[in-house]
Amino acid sequence: MCHCSQILMHSRLYWIMEASTIDEVIDHLDQIIDHSYKDKSRLAYFPILYKKVTVAVKEAIEKKEFEDNETMERLDVVFANRYLKAYSEFLANKTPSSCWLVAFEATDRFWPLVVQQLLLGINAHINLDLGIAAAEIAPGHKIHSLKTDFYKINSILSSMVEGVQTDINKISPIIGILDFFAGKLDERIVDFSIEIAREGAWDFALEYAFADERLKTKLIQKRDKSIAWLGRDLRSPGLFIGTVAKFIRIFETKNVRKNCDVLIG
């Protein structure tokens, strides 16, 4: 059974979600997508991508492609629960981690592109959550045994992000044209890449895995503050890239449900 409690807010029913298996993670993501789709909320965009990643990880586990498949399912679940918790807190008017708050609040703003919203979720989830999740399931010296599989999960995420580029071009029809001049604009909105995030997440996992309990809270706070700053830079980039992004936004499809349908595929 999944562990869920209900929050009644503004006469609407919300769920605080926690998964115990990878199938429950997928089920909860489906709930979020369905709820956001009905509400025409851009909160749907990130979980659509995240569900694809989770399904790919599940298939890799079933094919025993990891060195430690059982541990990888545990990592996937602990990792996902951090997003589910942040999402639930945001809907309940509680305060999630700062980097997630930046990502969630961007969905209510007009100017952030769909690709920016996806990257904001990736920024918070990889740069903060992944290192914490890895260290929690493999504390201390155990963390070293996780490195190969840790990088494999990130490779799956990278492939999913690259695969969604075609969908982004459908939603933002002129982004491909501008990419020719700006050089992968969606990656240059800020100096952000999955590869850099992965390296930073692993370094943070190592630091967190060996920290004592008193230090862990301070490490999370410091890391969260840094990643939230990166998120704000991603959401509101410099003058040149910001101006180009706004130009793209003018021609981007505004219909949330249509965008969801494209991203779902």
C-alpha atoms as a PDB file:
ATOM      1  CA  MET A   1       0.000   0.000   0.000  1.00  0.00           C
ATOM      2  CA  CYS A   2       1.163   3.534  -0.719  1.00  0.00           C
ATOM      3  CA  HIS A   3       1.268   5.937   2.196  1.00  0.00           C
ATOM      4  CA  CYS A   4      -1.051   8.866   1.516  1.00  0.00           C
ATOM      5  CA  SER A   5      -2.838  11.429   3.653  1.00  0.00           C
ATOM      6  CA  GLN A   6      -5.301  14.004   2.440  1.00  0.00           C
ATOM      7  CA  ILE A   7      -5.174  17.773   2.691  1.00  0.00           C
ATOM      8  CA  LEU A   8      -8.334  19.808   2.231  1.00  0.00           C
ATOM      9  CA  MET A   9      -7.437  23.213   0.853  1.00  0.00           C
ATOM     10  CA  HIS A  10      -9.632  25.806  -0.825  1.00  0.00           C
ATOM     11  CA  SER A  11     -12.433  23.197  -0.937  1.00  0.00           C
ATOM     12  CA  ARG A  12     -10.255  20.901  -3.031  1.00  0.00           C
ATOM     13  CA  LEU A  13      -8.722  17.577  -2.207  1.00  0.00           C
ATOM     14  CA  TYR A  14      -4.984  17.163  -2.439  1.00  0.00           C
ATOM     15  CA  TRP A  15      -2.708  14.280  -1.576  1.00  0.00           C
ATOM     16  CA  ILE A  16       0.522  14.155   0.339  1.00  0.00           C
ATOM     17  CA  MET A  17       2.236  11.410  -1.597  1.00  0.00           C
ATOM     18  CA  GLU A  18       4.840   8.879  -0.594  1.00  0.00           C
ATOM     19  CA  ALA A  19       5.785   5.821  -2.613  1.00  0.00           C
ATOM     20  CA  SER A  20       7.318   2.574  -1.416  1.00  0.00           C
ATOM     21  CA  THR A  21       7.849   0.945  -4.840  1.00  0.00           C
ATOM     22  CA  ILE A  22       8.736   2.195  -8.292  1.00  0.00           C
ATOM     23  CA  ASP A  23       5.243   1.268  -9.504  1.00  0.00           C
ATOM     24  CA  GLU A  24       3.783   3.545  -6.829  1.00  0.00           C
ATOM     25  CA  VAL A  25       6.073   6.326  -8.010  1.00  0.00           C
ATOM     26  CA  ILE A  26       4.649   5.960 -11.510  1.00  0.00           C
ATOM     27  CA  ASP A  27       1.105   5.860 -10.137  1.00  0.00           C
ATOM     28  CA  HIS A  28       1.638   9.076  -8.156  1.00  0.00           C
ATOM     29  CA  LEU A  29       3.162  10.807 -11.166  1.00  0.00           C
ATOM     30  CA  ASP A  30       0.095   9.794 -13.177  1.00  0.00           C
ATOM     31  CA  GLN A  31      -2.098  11.376 -10.487  1.00  0.00           C
ATOM     32  CA  ILE A  32      -0.136  14.620 -10.621  1.00  0.00           C
ATOM     33  CA  ILE A  33      -0.225  14.704 -14.423  1.00  0.00           C
ATOM     34  CA  ASP A  34      -3.959  13.979 -14.499  1.00  0.00           C
ATOM     35  CA  HIS A  35      -4.756  16.580 -11.844  1.00  0.00           C
ATOM     36  CA  SER A  36      -2.594  19.254 -13.488  1.00  0.00           C
ATOM     37  CA  TYR A  37      -3.931  18.398 -16.955  1.00  0.00           C
ATOM     38  CA  LYS A  38      -7.518  18.887 -15.779  1.00  0.00           C
ATOM     39  CA  ASP A  39      -6.523  22.170 -14.143  1.00  0.00           C
ATOM     40  CA  LYS A  40      -4.655  23.294 -17.274  1.00  0.00           C
ATOM     41  CA  SER A  41      -1.663  23.784 -14.996  1.00  0.00           C
ATOM     42  CA  ARG A  42       1.909  23.869 -16.239  1.00  0.00           C
ATOM     43  CA  LEU A  43       2.793  21.854 -13.145  1.00  0.00           C
ATOM     44  CA  ALA A  44       2.119  18.896 -15.476  1.00  0.00           C
ATOM     45  CA  TYR A  45       5.176  19.412 -17.660  1.00  0.00           C
ATOM     46  CA  PHE A  46       7.929  18.175 -15.350  1.00  0.00           C
ATOM     47  CA  PRO A  47       6.152  15.010 -14.111  1.00  0.00           C
ATOM     48  CA  ILE A  48       5.442  14.011 -17.719  1.00  0.00           C
ATOM     49  CA  LEU A  49       9.180  13.973 -18.369  1.00  0.00           C
ATOM     50  CA  TYR A  50       9.877  12.445 -14.968  1.00  0.00           C
ATOM     51  CA  LYS A  51       7.458   9.597 -15.600  1.00  0.00           C
ATOM     52  CA  LYS A  52       9.295   8.729 -18.830  1.00  0.00           C
ATOM     53  CA  VAL A  53      12.569   8.628 -16.904  1.00  0.00           C
ATOM     54  CA  THR A  54      11.060   6.476 -14.161  1.00  0.00           C
ATOM     55  CA  VAL A  55       9.584   4.006 -16.644  1.00  0.00           C
ATOM     56  CA  ALA A  56      12.982   3.775 -18.364  1.00  0.00           C
ATOM     57  CA  VAL A  57      14.684   3.132 -15.014  1.00  0.00           C
ATOM     58  CA  LYS A  58      12.102   0.469 -14.172  1.00  0.00           C
ATOM     59  CA  GLU A  59      12.731  -1.277 -17.487  1.00  0.00           C
ATOM     60  CA  ALA A  60      16.483  -1.156 -16.895  1.00  0.00           C
ATOM     61  CA  ILE A  61      15.986  -2.700 -13.441  1.00  0.00           C
ATOM     62  CA  GLU A  62      13.786  -5.450 -14.875  1.00  0.00           C
ATOM     63  CA  LYS A  63      16.472  -6.200 -17.468  1.00  0.00           C
ATOM     64  CA  LYS A  64      19.066  -6.218 -14.649  1.00  0.00           C
ATOM     65  CA  GLU A  65      21.169  -3.576 -16.354  1.00  0.00           C
ATOM     66  CA  PHE A  66      22.471  -2.113 -13.095  1.00  0.00           C
ATOM     67  CA  GLU A  67      25.186  -3.555 -10.891  1.00  0.00           C
ATOM     68  CA  ASP A  68      22.760  -3.582  -7.945  1.00  0.00           C
ATOM     69  CA  ASN A  69      19.203  -3.546  -9.259  1.00  0.00           C
ATOM     70  CA  GLU A  70      17.525  -3.840  -5.863  1.00  0.00           C
ATOM     71  CA  THR A  71      19.415  -0.818  -4.553  1.00  0.00           C
ATOM     72  CA  MET A  72      18.562   1.118  -7.692  1.00  0.00           C
ATOM     73  CA  GLU A  73      14.852   0.652  -7.094  1.00  0.00           C
ATOM     74  CA  ARG A  74      15.334   1.911  -3.539  1.00  0.00           C
ATOM     75  CA  LEU A  75      17.253   4.900  -4.876  1.00  0.00           C
ATOM     76  CA  ASP A  76      14.562   5.638  -7.436  1.00  0.00           C
ATOM     77  CA  VAL A  77      11.855   5.570  -4.750  1.00  0.00           C
ATOM     78  CA  VAL A  78      13.737   7.674  -2.176  1.00  0.00           C
ATOM     79  CA  PHE A  79      14.699  10.101  -4.935  1.00  0.00           C
ATOM     80  CA  ALA A  80      11.122  10.404  -6.232  1.00  0.00           C
ATOM     81  CA  ASN A  81       9.690  10.873  -2.751  1.00  0.00           C
ATOM     82  CA  ARG A  82      11.622  14.108  -2.415  1.00  0.00           C
ATOM     83  CA  TYR A  83       9.809  15.504  -5.470  1.00  0.00           C
ATOM     84  CA  LEU A  84       6.452  14.116  -4.297  1.00  0.00           C
ATOM     85  CA  LYS A  85       6.947  15.711  -0.886  1.00  0.00           C
ATOM     86  CA  ALA A  86       7.935  19.077  -2.372  1.00  0.00           C
ATOM     87  CA  TYR A  87       4.940  19.004  -4.723  1.00  0.00           C
ATOM     88  CA  SER A  88       2.541  18.148  -1.884  1.00  0.00           C
ATOM     89  CA  GLU A  89       3.968  20.895   0.324  1.00  0.00           C
ATOM     90  CA  PHE A  90       3.596  23.453  -2.440  1.00  0.00           C
ATOM     91  CA  LEU A  91      -0.068  22.584  -3.004  1.00  0.00           C
ATOM     92  CA  ALA A  92      -0.701  22.718   0.748  1.00  0.00           C
ATOM     93  CA  ASN A  93       0.740  26.234   0.975  1.00  0.00           C
ATOM     94  CA  LYS A  94       3.663  24.906   2.956  1.00  0.00           C
ATOM     95  CA  THR A  95       7.219  25.788   2.025  1.00  0.00           C
ATOM     96  CA  PRO A  96       9.177  23.182   0.049  1.00  0.00           C
ATOM     97  CA  SER A  97      12.921  23.496  -0.476  1.00  0.00           C
ATOM     98  CA  SER A  98      13.827  26.846  -2.026  1.00  0.00           C
ATOM     99  CA  CYS A  99      14.936  25.404  -5.369  1.00  0.00           C
ATOM    100  CA  TRP A 100      11.646  23.551  -5.759  1.00  0.00           C
ATOM    101  CA  LEU A 101       9.727  26.685  -4.808  1.00  0.00           C
ATOM    102  CA  VAL A 102      11.465  28.548  -7.642  1.00  0.00           C
ATOM    103  CA  ALA A 103      10.466  25.762 -10.045  1.00  0.00           C
ATOM    104  CA  PHE A 104       6.851  25.529  -8.898  1.00  0.00           C
ATOM    105  CA  GLU A 105       6.263  29.277  -8.830  1.00  0.00           C
ATOM    106  CA  ALA A 106       7.558  29.581 -12.395  1.00  0.00           C
ATOM    107  CA  THR A 107       4.553  27.588 -13.592  1.00  0.00           C
ATOM    108  CA  ASP A 108       2.320  30.539 -12.650  1.00  0.00           C
ATOM    109  CA  ARG A 109       4.407  33.050 -14.583  1.00  0.00           C
ATOM    110  CA  PHE A 110       3.794  33.878 -18.226  1.00  0.00           C
ATOM    111  CA  TRP A 111       7.324  34.225 -19.580  1.00  0.00           C
ATOM    112  CA  PRO A 112       9.177  30.993 -18.698  1.00  0.00           C
ATOM    113  CA  LEU A 113       9.265  28.667 -21.696  1.00  0.00           C
ATOM    114  CA  VAL A 114       8.238  25.033 -21.457  1.00  0.00           C
ATOM    115  CA  VAL A 115      11.909  24.069 -21.705  1.00  0.00           C
ATOM    116  CA  GLN A 116      12.748  26.443 -18.862  1.00  0.00           C
ATOM    117  CA  GLN A 117      10.098  24.833 -16.683  1.00  0.00           C
ATOM    118  CA  LEU A 118      11.477  21.376 -17.441  1.00  0.00           C
ATOM    119  CA  LEU A 119      15.011  22.504 -16.647  1.00  0.00           C
ATOM    120  CA  LEU A 120      13.884  24.134 -13.408  1.00  0.00           C
ATOM    121  CA  GLY A 121      12.498  20.793 -12.246  1.00  0.00           C
ATOM    122  CA  ILE A 122      15.629  18.967 -13.361  1.00  0.00           C
ATOM    123  CA  ASN A 123      17.769  21.574 -11.606  1.00  0.00           C
ATOM    124  CA  ALA A 124      16.067  21.068  -8.238  1.00  0.00           C
ATOM    125  CA  HIS A 125      15.745  17.310  -8.503  1.00  0.00           C
ATOM    126  CA  ILE A 126      19.259  16.458  -9.659  1.00  0.00           C
ATOM    127  CA  ASN A 127      21.264  19.213  -8.021  1.00  0.00           C
ATOM    128  CA  LEU A 128      19.635  18.867  -4.597  1.00  0.00           C
ATOM    129  CA  ASP A 129      17.512  15.721  -4.286  1.00  0.00           C
ATOM    130  CA  LEU A 130      19.647  13.132  -6.043  1.00  0.00           C
ATOM    131  CA  GLY A 131      22.721  13.548  -3.854  1.00  0.00           C
ATOM    132  CA  ILE A 132      20.636  13.378  -0.686  1.00  0.00           C
ATOM    133  CA  ALA A 133      18.782  10.265  -1.869  1.00  0.00           C
ATOM    134  CA  ALA A 134      22.008   8.505  -2.840  1.00  0.00           C
ATOM    135  CA  ALA A 135      23.640   9.238   0.515  1.00  0.00           C
ATOM    136  CA  GLU A 136      20.563   8.105   2.427  1.00  0.00           C
ATOM    137  CA  ILE A 137      20.485   4.653   0.860  1.00  0.00           C
ATOM    138  CA  ALA A 138      24.284   4.288   0.848  1.00  0.00           C
ATOM    139  CA  PRO A 139      25.704   6.219   3.824  1.00  0.00           C
ATOM    140  CA  GLY A 140      29.382   6.464   4.633  1.00  0.00           C
ATOM    141  CA  HIS A 141      31.764   4.297   2.639  1.00  0.00           C
ATOM    142  CA  LYS A 142      28.846   2.464   1.005  1.00  0.00           C
ATOM    143  CA  ILE A 143      28.367   5.485  -1.248  1.00  0.00           C
ATOM    144  CA  HIS A 144      31.386   4.513  -3.350  1.00  0.00           C
ATOM    145  CA  SER A 145      29.725   1.268  -4.466  1.00  0.00           C
ATOM    146  CA  LEU A 146      26.876   3.332  -5.891  1.00  0.00           C
ATOM    147  CA  LYS A 147      28.883   5.431  -8.343  1.00  0.00           C
ATOM    148  CA  THR A 148      28.544   3.327 -11.517  1.00  0.00           C
ATOM    149  CA  ASP A 149      24.785   2.892 -11.162  1.00  0.00           C
ATOM    150  CA  PHE A 150      24.414   6.536 -10.106  1.00  0.00           C
ATOM    151  CA  TYR A 151      25.930   7.612 -13.405  1.00  0.00           C
ATOM    152  CA  LYS A 152      23.821   5.119 -15.347  1.00  0.00           C
ATOM    153  CA  ILE A 153      20.606   6.623 -13.955  1.00  0.00           C
ATOM    154  CA  ASN A 154      21.828  10.045 -14.997  1.00  0.00           C
ATOM    155  CA  SER A 155      22.578   8.724 -18.480  1.00  0.00           C
ATOM    156  CA  ILE A 156      18.963   7.570 -18.723  1.00  0.00           C
ATOM    157  CA  LEU A 157      17.797  11.022 -17.681  1.00  0.00           C
ATOM    158  CA  SER A 158      20.074  12.656 -20.241  1.00  0.00           C
ATOM    159  CA  SER A 159      18.709  10.463 -23.018  1.00  0.00           C
ATOM    160  CA  MET A 160      15.130  11.350 -22.042  1.00  0.00           C
ATOM    161  CA  VAL A 161      15.924  15.071 -22.070  1.00  0.00           C
ATOM    162  CA  GLU A 162      17.561  14.791 -25.477  1.00  0.00           C
ATOM    163  CA  GLY A 163      14.567  12.843 -26.716  1.00  0.00           C
ATOM    164  CA  VAL A 164      12.135  15.555 -25.650  1.00  0.00           C
ATOM    165  CA  GLN A 165      13.898  18.117 -27.883  1.00  0.00           C
ATOM    166  CA  THR A 166      11.681  17.161 -30.840  1.00  0.00           C
ATOM    167  CA  ASP A 167       8.607  17.765 -28.682  1.00  0.00           C
ATOM    168  CA  ILE A 168       9.959  21.135 -27.567  1.00  0.00           C
ATOM    169  CA  ASN A 169      10.389  22.133 -31.214  1.00  0.00           C
ATOM    170  CA  LYS A 170       6.691  21.351 -31.819  1.00  0.00           C
ATOM    171  CA  ILE A 171       5.614  23.450 -28.836  1.00  0.00           C
ATOM    172  CA  SER A 172       8.098  26.271 -29.540  1.00  0.00           C
ATOM    173  CA  PRO A 173       8.234  26.224 -33.355  1.00  0.00           C
ATOM    174  CA  ILE A 174      10.837  28.946 -33.764  1.00  0.00           C
ATOM    175  CA  ILE A 175      13.267  27.634 -31.145  1.00  0.00           C
ATOM    176  CA  GLY A 176      14.887  25.365 -33.739  1.00  0.00           C
ATOM    177  CA  ILE A 177      15.464  28.316 -36.065  1.00  0.00           C
ATOM    178  CA  LEU A 178      16.983  30.405 -33.296  1.00  0.00           C
ATOM    179  CA  ASP A 179      19.120  27.475 -32.181  1.00  0.00           C
ATOM    180  CA  PHE A 180      20.858  27.763 -35.521  1.00  0.00           C
ATOM    181  CA  PHE A 181      21.985  31.267 -34.572  1.00  0.00           C
ATOM    182  CA  ALA A 182      22.235  30.957 -30.765  1.00  0.00           C
ATOM    183  CA  GLY A 183      23.619  27.422 -30.595  1.00  0.00           C
ATOM    184  CA  LYS A 184      21.218  25.225 -28.611  1.00  0.00           C
ATOM    185  CA  LEU A 185      19.422  28.101 -26.925  1.00  0.00           C
ATOM    186  CA  ASP A 186      17.566  25.786 -24.578  1.00  0.00           C
ATOM    187  CA  GLU A 187      20.906  24.737 -23.093  1.00  0.00           C
ATOM    188  CA  ARG A 188      22.296  28.260 -23.043  1.00  0.00           C
ATOM    189  CA  ILE A 189      19.451  29.945 -21.172  1.00  0.00           C
ATOM    190  CA  VAL A 190      21.947  29.614 -18.345  1.00  0.00           C
ATOM    191  CA  ASP A 191      25.181  27.668 -18.099  1.00  0.00           C
ATOM    192  CA  PHE A 192      23.272  24.505 -17.281  1.00  0.00           C
ATOM    193  CA  SER A 193      23.831  20.963 -18.423  1.00  0.00           C
ATOM    194  CA  ILE A 194      22.871  17.535 -17.186  1.00  0.00           C
ATOM    195  CA  GLU A 195      26.523  16.513 -17.174  1.00  0.00           C
ATOM    196  CA  ILE A 196      27.587  19.378 -14.915  1.00  0.00           C
ATOM    197  CA  ALA A 197      24.585  18.754 -12.645  1.00  0.00           C
ATOM    198  CA  ARG A 198      25.461  15.064 -12.415  1.00  0.00           C
ATOM    199  CA  GLU A 199      29.028  15.782 -11.328  1.00  0.00           C
ATOM    200  CA  GLY A 200      27.841  18.280  -8.756  1.00  0.00           C
ATOM    201  CA  ALA A 201      25.208  15.873  -7.459  1.00  0.00           C
ATOM    202  CA  TRP A 202      27.789  13.113  -6.997  1.00  0.00           C
ATOM    203  CA  ASP A 203      30.198  15.435  -5.170  1.00  0.00           C
ATOM    204  CA  PHE A 204      27.360  16.529  -2.894  1.00  0.00           C
ATOM    205  CA  ALA A 205      26.346  12.896  -2.301  1.00  0.00           C
ATOM    206  CA  LEU A 206      29.889  12.108  -1.154  1.00  0.00           C
ATOM    207  CA  GLU A 207      29.969  15.083   1.195  1.00  0.00           C
ATOM    208  CA  TYR A 208      26.518  14.322   2.595  1.00  0.00           C
ATOM    209  CA  ALA A 209      27.191  10.588   3.002  1.00  0.00           C
ATOM    210  CA  PHE A 210      30.090  11.220   5.398  1.00  0.00           C
ATOM    211  CA  ALA A 211      28.550  14.137   7.315  1.00  0.00           C
ATOM    212  CA  ASP A 212      27.297  13.693  10.865  1.00  0.00           C
ATOM    213  CA  GLU A 213      23.653  14.394  11.642  1.00  0.00           C
ATOM    214  CA  ARG A 214      24.316  17.902  12.952  1.00  0.00           C
ATOM    215  CA  LEU A 215      26.084  18.897   9.769  1.00  0.00           C
ATOM    216  CA  LYS A 216      23.580  17.397   7.324  1.00  0.00           C
ATOM    217  CA  THR A 217      20.929  20.058   7.903  1.00  0.00           C
ATOM    218  CA  LYS A 218      23.454  22.827   7.278  1.00  0.00           C
ATOM    219  CA  LEU A 219      24.702  21.087   4.138  1.00  0.00           C
ATOM    220  CA  ILE A 220      21.171  20.832   2.742  1.00  0.00           C
ATOM    221  CA  GLN A 221      20.412  24.465   3.546  1.00  0.00           C
ATOM    222  CA  LYS A 222      23.614  25.671   1.904  1.00  0.00           C
ATOM    223  CA  ARG A 223      23.106  23.472  -1.153  1.00  0.00           C
ATOM    224  CA  ASP A 224      19.441  24.437  -1.484  1.00  0.00           C
ATOM    225  CA  LYS A 225      20.309  28.137  -1.377  1.00  0.00           C
ATOM    226  CA  SER A 226      22.899  27.694  -4.137  1.00  0.00           C
ATOM    227  CA  ILE A 227      20.606  25.633  -6.374  1.00  0.00           C
ATOM    228  CA  ALA A 228      17.723  28.069  -5.852  1.00  0.00           C
ATOM    229  CA  TRP A 229      20.014  30.857  -7.058  1.00  0.00           C
ATOM    230  CA  LEU A 230      20.804  28.807 -10.166  1.00  0.00           C
ATOM    231  CA  GLY A 231      17.079  28.225 -10.644  1.00  0.00           C
ATOM    232  CA  ARG A 232      16.307  31.949 -10.491  1.00  0.00           C
ATOM    233  CA  ASP A 233      19.035  32.553 -13.063  1.00  0.00           C
ATOM    234  CA  LEU A 234      17.509  29.871 -15.258  1.00  0.00           C
ATOM    235  CA  ARG A 235      14.030  31.325 -14.854  1.00  0.00           C
ATOM    236  CA  SER A 236      15.189  34.909 -15.536  1.00  0.00           C
ATOM    237  CA  PRO A 237      18.387  34.778 -17.612  1.00  0.00           C
ATOM    238  CA  GLY A 238      20.481  37.741 -18.759  1.00  0.00           C
ATOM    239  CA  LEU A 239      19.317  40.472 -21.098  1.00  0.00           C
ATOM    240  CA  PHE A 240      20.255  38.869 -24.430  1.00  0.00           C
ATOM    241  CA  ILE A 241      19.134  35.304 -23.745  1.00  0.00           C
ATOM    242  CA  GLY A 242      16.129  36.578 -21.779  1.00  0.00           C
ATOM    243  CA  THR A 243      15.004  38.744 -24.692  1.00  0.00           C
ATOM    244  CA  VAL A 244      15.373  35.873 -27.156  1.00  0.00           C
ATOM    245  CA  ALA A 245      13.480  33.559 -24.784  1.00  0.00           C
ATOM    246  CA  LYS A 246      10.620  36.056 -24.559  1.00  0.00           C
ATOM    247  CA  PHE A 247      10.496  36.258 -28.347  1.00  0.00           C
ATOM    248  CA  ILE A 248      10.211  32.462 -28.473  1.00  0.00           C
ATOM    249  CA  ARG A 249       7.507  32.554 -25.789  1.00  0.00           C
ATOM    250  CA  ILE A 250       5.336  34.838 -27.917  1.00  0.00           C
ATOM    251  CA  PHE A 251       5.120  32.109 -30.581  1.00  0.00           C
ATOM    252  CA  GLU A 252       5.070  29.162 -28.180  1.00  0.00           C
ATOM    253  CA  THR A 253       1.849  27.176 -27.926  1.00  0.00           C
ATOM    254  CA  LYS A 254      -0.112  28.536 -24.942  1.00  0.00           C
ATOM    255  CA  ASN A 255      -2.599  25.672 -24.688  1.00  0.00           C
ATOM    256  CA  VAL A 256      -1.384  23.631 -21.704  1.00  0.00           C
ATOM    257  CA  ARG A 257      -3.343  20.516 -22.591  1.00  0.00           C
ATOM    258  CA  LYS A 258      -2.040  20.502 -26.154  1.00  0.00           C
ATOM    259  CA  ASN A 259       1.498  20.914 -24.830  1.00  0.00           C
ATOM    260  CA  CYS A 260       0.947  18.042 -22.425  1.00  0.00           C
ATOM    261  CA  ASP A 261      -0.334  15.853 -25.254  1.00  0.00           C
ATOM    262  CA  VAL A 262       2.821  16.617 -27.254  1.00  0.00           C
ATOM    263  CA  LEU A 263       5.121  15.873 -24.310  1.00  0.00           C
ATOM    264  CA  ILE A 264       3.261  12.655 -23.471  1.00  0.00           C
ATOM    265  CA  GLY A 265       3.612  11.544 -27.096  1.00  0.00           C
END
